[in-house]
Amino acid sequence: MAATNTMTKAPFGFSNLPDADIYHAEKTFGAHHYGRIDLVVRKAEGCWLTNHEEKKFFDCLAAYSAANQGHHHPHIVNALIEALKGHYGSVISNVVYTDSLAMFLKRLATTVPQLGPRFGAHGNKVLPKNGGVESVETAVKLARYYGWKQKGIEDGKQEIIVFERNFHGRMITTVSFSPTKKYKEGFGPLTPGFKFAKYGDLDSVEKLITPNTCGILVEPGQGEGGMYMPPAGFLKGLRELSDKNDLVLIFDEIQVGLGRTGKMFCFEHENVIPDAVTLGKAISGGLVPLSCMVANSKLMDLVFRPGSDGSTYGGYPLACVAGNAAIDVLIDEKLPQRAEEMGRKMKAKIDDIASRSDKVKEVRGRGLFIGIEVNDGDAMKYCRQLLELGVLANDSYGHTIRMSPPLILTDNEIDYVCERLEKVLVG
């Protein structure tokens, strides 16, 4: 069969296919599970995305924190190239060992502060998966097993407290405790065993605790829920409630961890240590799928043994090579500190814009995790206007413009974004 132009060498990008053909192919052959905007990205580098006309768009999403290190960071790219050239990047059966996995597990386990202090200073252990939702569901298993084995809760009766406006992914178990109707409608029977508390309200949490409660699952900053940070003392209060009632406290840091809020881990802002944490997205620099659940070693060993969990691609060599390199970049380039500094500058400029705008209700956030809530509740309208001006942004919970660029952005790039925000929000 004759070759098509699909694989013809393009000036840049994967193909020479016109945008119209790409739209048609996605709509014809792909599931319609995302509402997309009309932009075909042909190249991604640093903080910038490029279309077929070589027009550049500043990426204010960073794929929801997956590209914290910037797109195609050379250190991570070179590590992957060397792995493929050196023939140590292929998936290998988990029945044997690989040095890339061993090195990644040690690097991440020792980068995360000692988790689960009430279980003792046994170090941390890591269970790798692919997408973040897999690690969240692994954390659910951790809490439930602990409730059964350690607390004596009848198997099937374990309960986990979650929060309003939460987002932990779209697998069956995670959508079962999603507050968003469209994520779960028609997909029943849903997974039972979850109770909803108000985010930031310790009293509402305490009222839900029963003898069957085994854990608390919370985002230390809500990304999809509207870019909210919890009030001071909330995470500390969850730690105290967990200790008092023998609950496993799990922080989902898939969006807010790895430098995003100005600390390597979001929980470090209040020095509140969970028993387990889920990480993903930027853990591989945005180049290959990788996520992890990290927990106190004693807790991990209690729950997981051969046969109790597994994943063909979870922790496969190429992903682990990316993971090691991604952590290198975060630490060596001091990206958490950079996020704190640049986030402070960016938020100050946005606050100034908001003070002169009748369209802005509130600006909130920490580091380079910033939300701009609009008065009319239609943030996507403003995101589309920003796209026309060369900035890719998206809404959070409908009413908030999400500002979460790569952590490597410069002062000039902050000015670029804020000049366009001013045009859209002030005029």
Protein backbone atom coordinates (compact mmCIF):
# COMPACT_ATOMS: atom_id res chain seq x y z
CA MET A 1 0.00 0.00 0.00
CA ALA A 2 1.32 3.43 -0.89
CA ALA A 3 2.51 5.58 1.98
CA THR A 4 0.35 8.54 2.97
CA ASN A 5 1.57 11.96 3.94
CA THR A 6 0.82 11.15 7.57
CA MET A 7 4.47 10.28 8.21
CA THR A 8 6.01 12.70 5.71
CA LYS A 9 8.72 14.73 7.35
CA ALA A 10 7.16 18.02 8.41
CA PRO A 11 8.93 21.35 8.94
CA PHE A 12 8.27 20.67 12.62
CA GLY A 13 5.88 18.38 14.39
CA PHE A 14 4.75 14.87 13.52
CA SER A 15 3.06 15.39 10.15
CA ASN A 16 2.06 17.78 7.40
CA LEU A 17 -1.64 17.06 7.87
CA PRO A 18 -3.75 20.25 7.76
CA ASP A 19 -5.52 21.21 10.97
CA ALA A 20 -8.89 20.48 9.37
CA ASP A 21 -7.85 16.88 8.74
CA ILE A 22 -6.71 16.49 12.32
CA TYR A 23 -10.00 17.82 13.68
CA HIS A 24 -11.87 15.44 11.37
CA ALA A 25 -9.78 12.42 12.35
CA GLU A 26 -10.22 13.03 16.07
CA LYS A 27 -13.96 13.55 15.75
CA THR A 28 -14.37 10.52 13.46
CA PHE A 29 -12.11 8.00 15.16
CA GLY A 30 -11.78 9.21 18.74
CA ALA A 31 -14.09 9.12 21.74
CA HIS A 32 -15.64 12.51 22.40
CA HIS A 33 -14.63 12.56 26.06
CA TYR A 34 -12.92 15.95 25.99
CA GLY A 35 -14.31 19.32 25.01
CA ARG A 36 -11.46 20.70 22.94
CA ILE A 37 -10.66 24.15 21.64
CA ASP A 38 -9.47 24.66 18.07
CA LEU A 39 -5.71 24.59 18.44
CA VAL A 40 -3.44 21.90 17.02
CA VAL A 41 -0.10 21.97 18.81
CA ARG A 42 2.77 20.92 16.51
CA LYS A 43 5.66 21.68 18.84
CA ALA A 44 6.15 22.23 22.57
CA GLU A 45 9.30 23.71 24.04
CA GLY A 46 9.87 25.36 27.41
CA CYS A 47 6.76 27.40 28.17
CA TRP A 48 5.60 27.69 24.55
CA LEU A 49 3.36 25.79 22.14
CA THR A 50 3.49 26.28 18.38
CA ASN A 51 0.87 25.70 15.68
CA HIS A 52 1.33 24.94 11.96
CA GLU A 53 1.57 28.65 11.12
CA GLU A 54 4.44 28.89 13.60
CA LYS A 55 2.31 31.06 15.87
CA LYS A 56 3.37 30.66 19.48
CA PHE A 57 1.08 30.33 22.50
CA PHE A 58 2.24 30.67 26.07
CA ASP A 59 1.20 27.56 28.01
CA CYS A 60 -0.54 28.64 31.20
CA LEU A 61 -1.74 25.11 31.89
CA ALA A 62 1.46 23.03 31.83
CA ALA A 63 -0.92 20.08 31.30
CA TYR A 64 -2.31 20.59 34.82
CA SER A 65 1.21 20.55 36.34
CA ALA A 66 2.62 17.71 34.23
CA ALA A 67 5.11 20.07 32.57
CA ASN A 68 6.42 21.81 35.69
CA GLN A 69 9.95 21.50 34.31
CA GLY A 70 8.87 22.94 30.97
CA HIS A 71 8.18 21.03 27.77
CA HIS A 72 11.00 18.82 26.47
CA HIS A 73 13.45 19.78 29.18
CA PRO A 74 16.83 18.84 27.65
CA HIS A 75 18.09 16.93 30.70
CA ILE A 76 15.02 14.68 30.74
CA VAL A 77 14.98 14.32 26.94
CA ASN A 78 18.65 13.34 26.86
CA ALA A 79 18.13 10.77 29.61
CA LEU A 80 15.32 9.16 27.59
CA ILE A 81 17.34 9.23 24.36
CA GLU A 82 20.29 7.55 26.09
CA ALA A 83 17.97 4.89 27.54
CA LEU A 84 16.54 4.06 24.11
CA LYS A 85 19.94 4.11 22.41
CA GLY A 86 21.44 2.04 25.23
CA HIS A 87 18.63 -0.55 25.09
CA TYR A 88 17.61 -0.14 28.74
CA GLY A 89 14.27 1.63 28.21
CA SER A 90 12.00 -1.27 27.27
CA VAL A 91 9.30 -2.65 29.52
CA ILE A 92 10.58 -5.67 31.48
CA SER A 93 8.53 -8.26 33.34
CA ASN A 94 8.17 -7.45 37.01
CA VAL A 95 9.36 -10.96 37.82
CA VAL A 96 12.93 -9.63 37.61
CA TYR A 97 14.76 -6.50 38.78
CA THR A 98 15.98 -3.41 36.89
CA ASP A 99 18.49 -0.87 38.11
CA SER A 100 16.42 2.03 36.74
CA LEU A 101 13.47 1.09 38.97
CA ALA A 102 15.66 0.53 42.02
CA MET A 103 17.37 3.90 41.57
CA PHE A 104 14.08 5.72 41.04
CA LEU A 105 12.43 4.14 44.09
CA LYS A 106 15.37 5.15 46.30
CA ARG A 107 15.50 8.67 44.84
CA LEU A 108 11.80 9.38 45.36
CA ALA A 109 11.51 7.62 48.73
CA THR A 110 14.37 9.71 50.12
CA THR A 111 13.20 12.96 48.49
CA VAL A 112 9.81 12.77 50.22
CA PRO A 113 10.05 13.64 53.95
CA GLN A 114 9.46 10.77 56.37
CA LEU A 115 5.75 9.98 56.06
CA GLY A 116 3.46 8.56 58.74
CA PRO A 117 5.41 9.80 61.76
CA ARG A 118 3.11 7.95 64.16
CA PHE A 119 4.19 4.65 62.56
CA GLY A 120 7.84 5.36 63.31
CA ALA A 121 10.92 6.44 61.34
CA HIS A 122 11.08 3.39 59.09
CA GLY A 123 11.71 5.33 55.89
CA ASN A 124 9.34 5.55 52.94
CA LYS A 125 8.44 3.07 50.23
CA VAL A 126 7.10 3.76 46.73
CA LEU A 127 4.52 1.90 44.67
CA PRO A 128 4.73 3.11 41.03
CA LYS A 129 1.86 3.23 38.55
CA ASN A 130 1.05 5.07 35.30
CA GLY A 131 -1.66 7.75 35.53
CA GLY A 132 -2.36 9.62 38.75
CA VAL A 133 -5.80 8.06 39.19
CA GLU A 134 -4.17 4.62 39.52
CA SER A 135 -2.11 5.84 42.45
CA VAL A 136 -5.19 7.35 44.09
CA GLU A 137 -6.99 4.03 43.85
CA THR A 138 -3.89 2.33 45.27
CA ALA A 139 -4.09 4.74 48.21
CA VAL A 140 -7.73 3.80 48.70
CA LYS A 141 -6.61 0.16 48.92
CA LEU A 142 -3.99 1.17 51.48
CA ALA A 143 -6.53 2.85 53.77
CA ARG A 144 -9.14 0.12 53.44
CA TYR A 145 -6.71 -2.70 54.15
CA TYR A 146 -5.36 -0.85 57.16
CA GLY A 147 -8.91 -0.43 58.47
CA TRP A 148 -9.59 -4.14 58.08
CA LYS A 149 -6.27 -5.54 59.26
CA GLN A 150 -5.29 -3.05 61.93
CA LYS A 151 -8.58 -1.57 63.17
CA GLY A 152 -10.71 -4.68 62.82
CA ILE A 153 -13.34 -3.11 60.59
CA GLU A 154 -15.46 -5.73 58.82
CA ASP A 155 -14.25 -6.05 55.23
CA GLY A 156 -16.66 -4.15 53.01
CA LYS A 157 -17.65 -1.72 55.76
CA GLN A 158 -14.58 0.53 55.60
CA GLU A 159 -15.28 4.23 55.06
CA ILE A 160 -13.02 7.01 53.78
CA ILE A 161 -13.75 10.71 54.22
CA VAL A 162 -13.38 12.83 51.06
CA PHE A 163 -14.25 16.44 50.30
CA GLU A 164 -16.64 18.58 48.32
CA ARG A 165 -15.23 19.89 45.02
CA ASN A 166 -12.67 17.08 45.02
CA PHE A 167 -11.04 15.72 41.89
CA HIS A 168 -9.05 12.50 42.04
CA GLY A 169 -9.51 11.13 38.51
CA ARG A 170 -12.15 9.35 36.49
CA MET A 171 -11.87 5.61 37.16
CA ILE A 172 -14.98 3.94 38.61
CA THR A 173 -13.91 4.16 42.25
CA THR A 174 -12.76 7.78 42.02
CA VAL A 175 -15.85 8.97 40.15
CA SER A 176 -17.92 7.21 42.79
CA PHE A 177 -16.91 9.94 45.23
CA SER A 178 -16.77 12.77 42.71
CA PRO A 179 -19.17 15.67 43.37
CA THR A 180 -19.50 16.24 39.61
CA LYS A 181 -22.60 14.55 38.21
CA LYS A 182 -21.37 14.17 34.62
CA TYR A 183 -18.31 12.22 35.78
CA LYS A 184 -20.41 9.39 37.20
CA GLU A 185 -23.97 9.51 35.83
CA GLY A 186 -24.84 6.24 34.09
CA PHE A 187 -21.69 4.44 35.20
CA GLY A 188 -23.20 2.63 38.18
CA PRO A 189 -23.13 0.59 40.26
CA LEU A 190 -20.68 2.92 41.94
CA THR A 191 -18.18 2.04 44.64
CA PRO A 192 -19.54 2.62 48.15
CA GLY A 193 -17.64 3.59 51.27
CA PHE A 194 -17.06 7.35 50.96
CA LYS A 195 -18.42 10.27 52.98
CA PHE A 196 -18.28 13.95 51.97
CA ALA A 197 -16.97 16.69 54.24
CA LYS A 198 -16.70 20.42 53.56
CA TYR A 199 -13.25 21.47 52.39
CA GLY A 200 -11.65 23.58 55.08
CA ASP A 201 -14.24 22.67 57.76
CA LEU A 202 -12.82 20.44 60.51
CA ASP A 203 -16.15 20.17 62.33
CA SER A 204 -17.77 18.62 59.27
CA VAL A 205 -14.95 16.06 59.14
CA GLU A 206 -15.17 15.14 62.81
CA LYS A 207 -18.93 14.61 62.59
CA LEU A 208 -18.44 11.98 59.87
CA ILE A 209 -15.99 9.83 61.81
CA THR A 210 -17.43 6.49 62.94
CA PRO A 211 -15.89 3.19 64.08
CA ASN A 212 -15.84 2.20 60.38
CA THR A 213 -13.77 5.20 59.25
CA CYS A 214 -10.34 4.09 58.07
CA GLY A 215 -8.92 7.11 56.25
CA ILE A 216 -9.08 10.69 55.02
CA LEU A 217 -8.23 11.55 51.41
CA VAL A 218 -7.64 15.23 50.66
CA GLU A 219 -5.98 17.55 48.16
CA PRO A 220 -3.75 20.07 50.01
CA GLY A 221 -4.81 22.43 47.23
CA GLN A 222 -7.85 21.87 45.01
CA GLY A 223 -6.99 22.29 41.33
CA GLU A 224 -10.07 21.11 39.43
CA GLY A 225 -12.29 22.27 42.29
CA GLY A 226 -11.62 25.97 41.69
CA MET A 227 -7.97 26.57 42.61
CA TYR A 228 -8.56 26.70 46.35
CA MET A 229 -5.97 26.48 49.11
CA PRO A 230 -7.22 25.30 52.52
CA PRO A 231 -7.47 27.73 55.43
CA ALA A 232 -4.54 27.83 57.83
CA GLY A 233 -4.72 25.04 60.38
CA PHE A 234 -6.99 22.78 58.33
CA LEU A 235 -4.35 20.23 57.36
CA LYS A 236 -2.95 20.27 60.89
CA GLY A 237 -6.45 19.58 62.19
CA LEU A 238 -6.81 16.62 59.81
CA ARG A 239 -3.52 15.25 61.13
CA GLU A 240 -4.76 15.54 64.70
CA LEU A 241 -8.08 13.88 63.89
CA SER A 242 -6.29 11.07 62.08
CA ASP A 243 -3.94 10.44 65.00
CA LYS A 244 -6.78 10.57 67.53
CA ASN A 245 -8.99 8.14 65.58
CA ASP A 246 -6.31 5.88 64.05
CA LEU A 247 -7.02 6.92 60.44
CA VAL A 248 -4.72 6.82 57.42
CA LEU A 249 -4.22 10.40 56.23
CA ILE A 250 -3.59 10.59 52.47
CA PHE A 251 -2.66 13.74 50.57
CA ASP A 252 -3.27 13.81 46.82
CA GLU A 253 -0.47 16.04 45.50
CA ILE A 254 -0.69 15.01 41.85
CA GLN A 255 -1.42 18.61 40.79
CA VAL A 256 0.01 20.64 43.67
CA GLY A 257 3.16 18.69 44.48
CA LEU A 258 6.67 18.74 43.00
CA GLY A 259 7.26 22.46 43.29
CA ARG A 260 3.97 23.85 42.01
CA THR A 261 3.03 25.88 45.12
CA GLY A 262 6.53 27.04 46.08
CA LYS A 263 7.60 24.00 48.10
CA MET A 264 8.67 20.61 46.81
CA PHE A 265 5.51 19.22 48.46
CA CYS A 266 2.47 21.32 49.24
CA PHE A 267 2.12 19.84 52.73
CA GLU A 268 5.48 21.41 53.66
CA HIS A 269 3.88 24.86 53.86
CA GLU A 270 2.33 23.92 57.20
CA ASN A 271 4.78 21.15 58.09
CA VAL A 272 1.91 18.68 58.25
CA ILE A 273 3.05 15.19 57.32
CA PRO A 274 0.57 12.67 55.86
CA ASP A 275 0.82 8.90 56.15
CA ALA A 276 0.81 8.55 52.36
CA VAL A 277 0.99 10.88 49.37
CA THR A 278 0.11 10.39 45.71
CA LEU A 279 2.29 12.00 43.04
CA GLY A 280 2.12 12.08 39.26
CA LYS A 281 2.24 14.43 36.28
CA ALA A 282 5.55 16.29 36.78
CA ILE A 283 7.18 13.20 38.31
CA SER A 284 8.29 12.31 34.76
CA GLY A 285 8.65 15.82 33.38
CA GLY A 286 5.58 15.40 31.19
CA LEU A 287 7.23 12.99 28.75
CA VAL A 288 6.03 9.50 29.73
CA PRO A 289 3.21 8.30 32.01
CA LEU A 290 4.30 7.79 35.61
CA SER A 291 2.64 8.14 39.00
CA CYS A 292 3.37 6.88 42.49
CA MET A 293 1.96 6.35 45.91
CA VAL A 294 4.54 6.91 48.64
CA ALA A 295 3.89 5.74 52.20
CA ASN A 296 5.63 4.98 55.47
CA SER A 297 7.48 1.68 54.96
CA LYS A 298 5.70 -0.01 57.87
CA LEU A 299 2.32 0.89 56.41
CA MET A 300 3.30 -0.17 52.88
CA ASP A 301 4.61 -3.53 54.08
CA LEU A 302 1.45 -4.19 56.08
CA VAL A 303 -0.77 -3.83 53.02
CA PHE A 304 1.11 -4.93 49.93
CA ARG A 305 2.65 -8.31 49.22
CA PRO A 306 3.05 -10.41 46.03
CA GLY A 307 -0.31 -10.64 44.27
CA SER A 308 -2.02 -7.80 46.14
CA ASP A 309 -1.17 -5.25 43.45
CA GLY A 310 0.60 -4.96 40.12
CA SER A 311 0.93 -3.07 36.85
CA THR A 312 2.73 -4.10 33.64
CA TYR A 313 3.95 -0.57 32.91
CA GLY A 314 3.98 0.68 36.48
CA GLY A 315 7.60 1.63 37.11
CA TYR A 316 8.89 0.37 33.77
CA PRO A 317 12.48 1.35 32.90
CA LEU A 318 11.85 4.26 30.52
CA ALA A 319 9.45 5.89 32.98
CA CYS A 320 11.93 5.46 35.83
CA VAL A 321 14.72 7.03 33.76
CA ALA A 322 12.41 10.01 33.17
CA GLY A 323 11.50 10.09 36.86
CA ASN A 324 15.10 10.23 38.01
CA ALA A 325 15.88 13.00 35.53
CA ALA A 326 12.71 14.93 36.42
CA ILE A 327 13.62 14.95 40.11
CA ASP A 328 17.15 16.08 39.16
CA VAL A 329 15.72 19.11 37.39
CA LEU A 330 13.36 20.06 40.23
CA ILE A 331 16.19 19.97 42.76
CA ASP A 332 19.18 21.17 40.73
CA GLU A 333 17.31 24.10 39.17
CA LYS A 334 15.59 24.94 42.49
CA LEU A 335 12.19 24.98 40.79
CA PRO A 336 10.13 25.02 44.01
CA GLN A 337 11.96 28.16 45.11
CA ARG A 338 11.52 29.61 41.63
CA ALA A 339 7.78 28.89 41.76
CA GLU A 340 7.55 30.78 45.05
CA GLU A 341 9.43 33.80 43.69
CA MET A 342 7.81 33.96 40.28
CA GLY A 343 4.39 33.12 41.69
CA ARG A 344 4.63 36.03 44.11
CA LYS A 345 5.46 38.37 41.21
CA MET A 346 2.74 36.99 38.97
CA LYS A 347 0.05 37.10 41.65
CA ALA A 348 0.93 40.70 42.53
CA LYS A 349 0.42 41.72 38.91
CA ILE A 350 -2.84 39.77 38.69
CA ASP A 351 -4.06 41.32 41.96
CA ASP A 352 -3.41 44.74 40.44
CA ILE A 353 -5.39 43.82 37.32
CA ALA A 354 -8.23 42.49 39.47
CA SER A 355 -8.37 45.72 41.47
CA ARG A 356 -9.17 47.57 38.25
CA SER A 357 -11.59 45.01 36.80
CA ASP A 358 -15.32 44.65 37.32
CA LYS A 359 -15.07 41.11 35.93
CA VAL A 360 -12.99 39.56 38.71
CA LYS A 361 -14.50 38.26 41.92
CA GLU A 362 -11.37 36.91 43.62
CA VAL A 363 -7.73 35.99 43.00
CA ARG A 364 -6.34 33.13 45.08
CA GLY A 365 -3.49 30.68 45.11
CA ARG A 366 0.04 29.96 46.20
CA GLY A 367 3.25 29.82 44.17
CA LEU A 368 2.43 29.24 40.51
CA PHE A 369 -0.95 27.77 41.40
CA ILE A 370 -3.21 30.79 40.85
CA GLY A 371 -6.94 31.05 40.18
CA ILE A 372 -8.90 34.06 38.96
CA GLU A 373 -12.60 33.66 39.77
CA VAL A 374 -14.85 35.73 37.51
CA ASN A 375 -18.12 37.36 38.51
CA ASP A 376 -20.22 35.95 35.67
CA GLY A 377 -19.13 32.37 36.37
CA ASP A 378 -18.02 31.77 32.76
CA ALA A 379 -14.25 31.53 32.94
CA MET A 380 -13.98 29.66 29.64
CA LYS A 381 -15.23 32.75 27.80
CA TYR A 382 -12.14 34.63 28.95
CA CYS A 383 -9.88 31.64 28.24
CA ARG A 384 -11.01 31.68 24.61
CA GLN A 385 -10.21 35.39 24.40
CA LEU A 386 -6.77 34.71 25.87
CA LEU A 387 -6.17 32.03 23.25
CA GLU A 388 -6.77 34.60 20.51
CA LEU A 389 -4.06 36.71 22.16
CA GLY A 390 -1.54 33.86 22.36
CA VAL A 391 -2.12 32.39 25.83
CA LEU A 392 -3.47 28.90 26.49
CA ALA A 393 -5.50 28.76 29.69
CA ASN A 394 -8.48 26.77 30.92
CA ASP A 395 -11.25 27.06 33.46
CA SER A 396 -11.42 25.39 36.85
CA TYR A 397 -14.88 24.45 38.14
CA GLY A 398 -16.42 26.69 35.49
CA HIS A 399 -15.96 29.95 37.33
CA THR A 400 -12.18 30.29 37.66
CA ILE A 401 -9.35 30.93 35.18
CA ARG A 402 -6.47 28.61 35.98
CA MET A 403 -2.96 30.09 35.92
CA SER A 404 -0.48 27.22 36.31
CA PRO A 405 2.42 27.74 33.87
CA PRO A 406 5.69 25.78 33.81
CA LEU A 407 7.86 26.69 36.77
CA ILE A 408 10.69 27.86 34.50
CA LEU A 409 8.89 30.97 33.23
CA THR A 410 10.76 34.29 33.16
CA ASP A 411 9.89 37.83 34.19
CA ASN A 412 9.30 38.72 30.54
CA GLU A 413 6.90 35.82 30.18
CA ILE A 414 4.98 36.93 33.28
CA ASP A 415 4.66 40.34 31.64
CA TYR A 416 3.49 38.69 28.39
CA VAL A 417 0.70 36.81 30.18
CA CYS A 418 -0.39 39.70 32.39
CA GLU A 419 -0.52 42.17 29.49
CA ARG A 420 -3.03 39.85 27.82
CA LEU A 421 -4.95 39.27 31.02
CA GLU A 422 -5.29 43.02 31.31
CA LYS A 423 -6.76 43.26 27.82
CA VAL A 424 -9.30 40.55 28.58
CA LEU A 425 -10.24 41.51 32.13
CA VAL A 426 -9.91 45.29 32.05
CA GLY A 427 -10.08 46.23 28.38
